[in-house]
Amino acid sequence: MDTQMLSGMRSRVVVSTLAVIAVMLALQSALSLLKFRTLAVEATSSRLQVTASAIDVVIRRAEAVGLGMHEISDLDALIERERLRDPKIHQILLLDLQGATLARSGGRNVLLEDMNEVLPRVLTSDDKTITHESGAYLYAGRILRDSSNSIMGAILISEHTDELSVKVRDTWSRLTFMYLAIFAIVAISISLFSLLQLHARKSYFRKSGKADLGTFDPKSADELQKQISKGKKVQETALLDISNLSNMSAVIKQSDQLGER
């Protein structure tokens, strides 16, 4: 196998290896971004659930002394106070079992656009809390239960996803830069290793090609030629002796035949 063919095969192997590595890094980057977004949504939902839990505690205390949600005074002030504690919250809704709004704080009409999709999921969910992302808003819902563990309503909190999207974009930029740097380092390392291996193989072929009589010392070459000549003379002498012995054997055999007659 000559060096040109070996170089071509090595180049194809290197390109194929780099292509596989690039695909693997791209998939890893996409999975990392998806995982980060999921974690960011869960962190945001947990923060919103803290506010919902604070409202739930006040309502449960009122229910424990015999007051229904309709009878609790200053619900709007309570919800407004909780919303102002977290400036990122866009809107808070307090709903009864039929989905009617008992108290509201923040935006007036934005949540109504998604109410038909979000509200049934909140009121019919088996979980006490739910998270739902719809368009530009992230919703966190919490079921309200009375002392007999019956559902009496729900709390629905919304937040803009603009900040979440910015975090995802920043993370995507950092991940892209990091994985490109990793790919560049791997590509340079593989290319240098391949070039070193190819150079070593070419040097070996050149050294092997020069391993003939011309590479020997002149005195050693002359001595080798003399030994070859002597060997040829010895071979010729041996062949001549064998020929003479054959002729003598034929003469002796013929004499014996004549003697027998």
Protein backbone atom coordinates (compact mmCIF):
# COMPACT_ATOMS: atom_id res chain seq x y z
CA MET A 1 0.00 0.00 0.00
CA ASP A 2 1.63 3.31 -1.08
CA THR A 3 1.66 6.46 0.99
CA GLN A 4 -0.84 8.28 -1.25
CA MET A 5 -3.51 5.63 -0.78
CA LEU A 6 -2.75 5.47 2.94
CA SER A 7 -3.11 9.25 3.18
CA GLY A 8 -6.48 9.15 1.40
CA MET A 9 -7.83 6.45 3.70
CA ARG A 10 -6.58 8.29 6.76
CA SER A 11 -8.26 11.53 5.59
CA ARG A 12 -11.61 9.77 5.11
CA VAL A 13 -11.36 8.20 8.56
CA VAL A 14 -10.56 11.56 10.15
CA VAL A 15 -13.44 13.33 8.37
CA SER A 16 -15.91 10.58 9.33
CA THR A 17 -14.75 10.68 12.96
CA LEU A 18 -15.13 14.46 13.13
CA ALA A 19 -18.60 14.26 11.56
CA VAL A 20 -19.73 11.74 14.19
CA ILE A 21 -18.31 13.87 16.99
CA ALA A 22 -20.04 16.98 15.61
CA VAL A 23 -23.42 15.21 15.51
CA MET A 24 -22.95 13.89 19.06
CA LEU A 25 -22.06 17.36 20.36
CA ALA A 26 -25.06 18.90 18.60
CA LEU A 27 -27.42 16.33 20.15
CA GLN A 28 -25.83 16.84 23.57
CA SER A 29 -26.25 20.60 23.23
CA ALA A 30 -29.93 20.26 22.31
CA LEU A 31 -30.58 17.88 25.22
CA SER A 32 -28.77 20.17 27.65
CA LEU A 33 -30.81 23.15 26.48
CA LEU A 34 -34.07 21.22 26.82
CA LYS A 35 -33.11 20.10 30.31
CA PHE A 36 -32.20 23.65 31.30
CA ARG A 37 -35.52 25.00 30.06
CA THR A 38 -37.39 22.32 31.99
CA LEU A 39 -35.47 23.16 35.16
CA ALA A 40 -36.07 26.88 34.64
CA VAL A 41 -39.83 26.30 34.26
CA GLU A 42 -39.86 24.15 37.40
CA ALA A 43 -37.94 26.80 39.36
CA THR A 44 -40.33 29.53 38.23
CA SER A 45 -43.35 27.38 39.08
CA SER A 46 -41.94 26.65 42.54
CA ARG A 47 -41.54 30.38 43.20
CA LEU A 48 -45.12 31.05 42.11
CA GLN A 49 -46.37 28.21 44.29
CA VAL A 50 -44.83 29.93 47.33
CA THR A 51 -47.17 32.88 46.72
CA ALA A 52 -50.12 30.55 46.12
CA SER A 53 -49.32 28.68 49.34
CA ALA A 54 -49.33 31.93 51.34
CA ILE A 55 -52.81 32.76 50.02
CA ASP A 56 -53.96 29.19 50.69
CA VAL A 57 -52.88 29.45 54.34
CA VAL A 58 -54.98 32.61 54.89
CA ILE A 59 -58.05 31.07 53.24
CA ARG A 60 -57.72 27.83 55.23
CA ARG A 61 -57.52 29.80 58.47
CA ALA A 62 -60.70 31.66 57.57
CA GLU A 63 -62.40 28.40 56.59
CA ALA A 64 -61.34 26.85 59.92
CA VAL A 65 -63.38 29.44 61.82
CA GLY A 66 -66.44 28.78 59.67
CA LEU A 67 -66.06 31.37 56.90
CA GLY A 68 -66.55 30.44 53.26
CA MET A 69 -64.43 31.95 50.52
CA HIS A 70 -67.35 34.22 49.57
CA GLU A 71 -67.47 35.53 53.11
CA ILE A 72 -63.79 36.43 53.47
CA SER A 73 -63.36 40.19 53.38
CA ASP A 74 -60.56 42.00 51.60
CA LEU A 75 -59.66 39.09 49.31
CA ASP A 76 -58.61 41.56 46.62
CA ALA A 77 -56.34 43.37 49.08
CA LEU A 78 -54.84 40.06 50.19
CA ILE A 79 -54.10 38.94 46.64
CA GLU A 80 -52.79 42.37 45.67
CA ARG A 81 -50.43 42.37 48.65
CA GLU A 82 -49.07 38.94 47.73
CA ARG A 83 -48.62 39.96 44.10
CA LEU A 84 -46.65 43.06 45.02
CA ARG A 85 -44.23 40.94 47.03
CA ASP A 86 -43.07 39.34 43.77
CA PRO A 87 -42.80 41.97 40.98
CA LYS A 88 -42.40 39.25 38.35
CA ILE A 89 -45.98 38.02 38.86
CA HIS A 90 -48.32 39.25 36.15
CA GLN A 91 -51.71 38.27 37.54
CA ILE A 92 -53.35 36.31 40.36
CA LEU A 93 -56.88 34.89 40.19
CA LEU A 94 -58.90 33.35 43.01
CA LEU A 95 -61.61 31.06 41.58
CA ASP A 96 -64.48 29.11 43.05
CA LEU A 97 -65.42 25.53 42.15
CA GLN A 98 -67.52 26.68 39.18
CA GLY A 99 -64.64 28.76 37.76
CA ALA A 100 -66.12 32.13 38.72
CA THR A 101 -63.57 34.79 39.70
CA LEU A 102 -63.80 35.74 43.38
CA ALA A 103 -60.76 38.01 43.47
CA ARG A 104 -58.28 39.35 40.96
CA SER A 105 -54.99 41.22 41.01
CA GLY A 106 -52.86 42.45 38.12
CA GLY A 107 -53.83 42.31 34.45
CA ARG A 108 -57.52 42.20 33.65
CA ASN A 109 -57.97 40.44 30.34
CA VAL A 110 -54.81 38.50 29.50
CA LEU A 111 -55.64 35.33 31.44
CA LEU A 112 -59.18 35.22 30.04
CA GLU A 113 -57.75 34.33 26.63
CA ASP A 114 -56.34 31.05 28.01
CA MET A 115 -58.99 30.42 30.67
CA ASN A 116 -60.84 27.75 28.69
CA GLU A 117 -57.61 25.74 28.42
CA VAL A 118 -56.01 26.35 31.80
CA LEU A 119 -58.96 26.44 34.22
CA PRO A 120 -60.31 22.92 33.51
CA ARG A 121 -56.85 21.49 34.01
CA VAL A 122 -56.55 23.20 37.39
CA LEU A 123 -59.97 22.21 38.74
CA THR A 124 -59.91 18.62 37.44
CA SER A 125 -56.28 17.78 38.20
CA ASP A 126 -55.47 14.99 40.62
CA ASP A 127 -52.42 16.96 41.77
CA LYS A 128 -52.63 19.84 44.19
CA THR A 129 -50.41 21.99 41.99
CA ILE A 130 -50.02 22.20 38.21
CA THR A 131 -47.79 24.09 35.79
CA HIS A 132 -48.87 25.06 32.29
CA GLU A 133 -47.02 27.10 29.67
CA SER A 134 -49.18 28.74 27.02
CA GLY A 135 -47.73 31.27 24.61
CA ALA A 136 -46.21 34.25 26.40
CA TYR A 137 -47.35 33.20 29.89
CA LEU A 138 -46.48 30.54 32.42
CA TYR A 139 -49.35 29.49 34.71
CA ALA A 140 -49.09 27.96 38.16
CA GLY A 141 -52.31 26.58 39.64
CA ARG A 142 -53.08 25.39 43.16
CA ILE A 143 -56.19 23.54 44.36
CA LEU A 144 -57.92 24.95 47.47
CA ARG A 145 -59.44 22.35 49.80
CA ASP A 146 -61.56 22.79 52.90
CA SER A 147 -61.22 20.99 56.25
CA SER A 148 -63.08 17.97 54.85
CA ASN A 149 -60.60 17.77 51.96
CA SER A 150 -63.23 18.80 49.41
CA ILE A 151 -62.26 21.13 46.56
CA MET A 152 -63.64 24.62 47.13
CA GLY A 153 -61.72 26.55 44.49
CA ALA A 154 -58.32 27.27 43.01
CA ILE A 155 -55.59 29.88 42.78
CA LEU A 156 -54.16 30.69 39.36
CA ILE A 157 -50.97 32.76 39.01
CA SER A 158 -49.39 33.86 35.74
CA GLU A 159 -45.98 35.25 34.80
CA HIS A 160 -44.49 36.45 31.52
CA THR A 161 -42.05 34.03 29.89
CA ASP A 162 -39.92 36.84 28.44
CA GLU A 163 -37.30 36.56 31.18
CA LEU A 164 -37.32 32.78 30.87
CA SER A 165 -36.78 33.04 27.11
CA VAL A 166 -33.87 35.43 27.65
CA LYS A 167 -32.25 32.98 30.07
CA VAL A 168 -32.72 30.16 27.56
CA ARG A 169 -31.16 32.20 24.76
CA ASP A 170 -28.19 33.17 26.92
CA THR A 171 -27.71 29.56 27.95
CA TRP A 172 -27.96 28.44 24.31
CA SER A 173 -25.24 30.94 23.34
CA ARG A 174 -22.94 29.73 26.09
CA LEU A 175 -23.57 26.09 25.24
CA THR A 176 -22.93 26.71 21.55
CA PHE A 177 -19.64 28.48 22.26
CA MET A 178 -18.57 25.75 24.69
CA TYR A 179 -19.36 22.87 22.33
CA LEU A 180 -17.71 24.65 19.38
CA ALA A 181 -14.58 25.07 21.49
CA ILE A 182 -14.67 21.37 22.42
CA PHE A 183 -15.10 20.38 18.76
CA ALA A 184 -12.22 22.64 17.70
CA ILE A 185 -9.89 21.13 20.31
CA VAL A 186 -10.87 17.58 19.34
CA ALA A 187 -10.52 18.32 15.61
CA ILE A 188 -7.06 19.86 16.05
CA SER A 189 -5.92 16.98 18.25
CA ILE A 190 -7.12 14.31 15.82
CA SER A 191 -5.65 16.13 12.82
CA LEU A 192 -2.24 16.54 14.47
CA PHE A 193 -2.22 12.91 15.58
CA SER A 194 -3.11 11.78 12.05
CA LEU A 195 -0.40 13.93 10.49
CA LEU A 196 2.21 12.60 12.92
CA GLN A 197 1.22 9.02 12.18
CA LEU A 198 1.34 9.62 8.41
CA HIS A 199 4.74 11.31 8.65
CA ALA A 200 6.11 8.41 10.67
CA ARG A 201 4.80 5.90 8.10
CA LYS A 202 6.35 7.86 5.20
CA SER A 203 9.70 7.96 7.00
CA TYR A 204 9.51 4.21 7.52
CA PHE A 205 8.81 3.62 3.80
CA ARG A 206 11.71 5.86 2.79
CA LYS A 207 14.10 4.05 5.11
CA SER A 208 12.87 0.66 3.87
CA GLY A 209 13.31 1.69 0.23
CA LYS A 210 16.94 2.58 0.82
CA ALA A 211 17.82 -0.79 2.35
CA ASP A 212 19.85 -2.15 -0.64
CA LEU A 213 23.51 -2.75 -1.44
CA GLY A 214 24.08 0.91 -2.18
CA THR A 215 23.51 1.74 1.47
CA PHE A 216 26.29 -0.56 2.67
CA ASP A 217 29.85 0.48 3.23
CA PRO A 218 31.92 0.07 -0.02
CA LYS A 219 34.40 -2.30 1.65
CA SER A 220 31.58 -4.49 2.92
CA ALA A 221 30.01 -4.50 -0.54
CA ASP A 222 33.30 -5.61 -2.19
CA GLU A 223 33.72 -8.35 0.37
CA LEU A 224 30.16 -9.52 -0.30
CA GLN A 225 30.82 -9.59 -4.05
CA LYS A 226 33.95 -11.70 -3.49
CA GLN A 227 32.03 -14.17 -1.36
CA ILE A 228 29.35 -14.43 -4.05
CA SER A 229 32.00 -15.08 -6.73
CA LYS A 230 33.67 -17.76 -4.61
CA GLY A 231 30.30 -19.39 -4.06
CA LYS A 232 29.64 -19.46 -7.80
CA LYS A 233 33.07 -21.06 -8.47
CA VAL A 234 32.46 -23.68 -5.80
CA GLN A 235 29.07 -24.42 -7.36
CA GLU A 236 30.57 -24.80 -10.84
CA THR A 237 33.31 -27.14 -9.50
CA ALA A 238 30.76 -29.27 -7.70
CA LEU A 239 28.60 -29.54 -10.82
CA LEU A 240 31.67 -30.56 -12.87
CA ASP A 241 32.64 -33.23 -10.33
CA ILE A 242 29.08 -34.57 -10.36
CA SER A 243 29.20 -34.75 -14.16
CA ASN A 244 32.55 -36.63 -14.11
CA LEU A 245 31.24 -39.07 -11.53
CA SER A 246 28.22 -39.76 -13.72
CA ASN A 247 30.41 -40.48 -16.74
CA MET A 248 32.67 -42.80 -14.73
CA SER A 249 29.63 -44.63 -13.38
CA ALA A 250 28.36 -45.22 -16.90
CA VAL A 251 31.76 -46.60 -18.06
CA ILE A 252 32.02 -48.96 -15.08
CA LYS A 253 28.54 -50.23 -15.67
CA GLN A 254 29.30 -50.92 -19.34
CA SER A 255 32.51 -52.81 -18.43
CA ASP A 256 30.64 -55.01 -16.02
CA GLN A 257 28.11 -55.92 -18.70
CA LEU A 258 30.89 -56.95 -21.14
CA GLY A 259 32.59 -59.04 -18.43
CA GLU A 260 29.41 -60.97 -17.81
CA ARG A 261 29.16 -61.90 -21.50
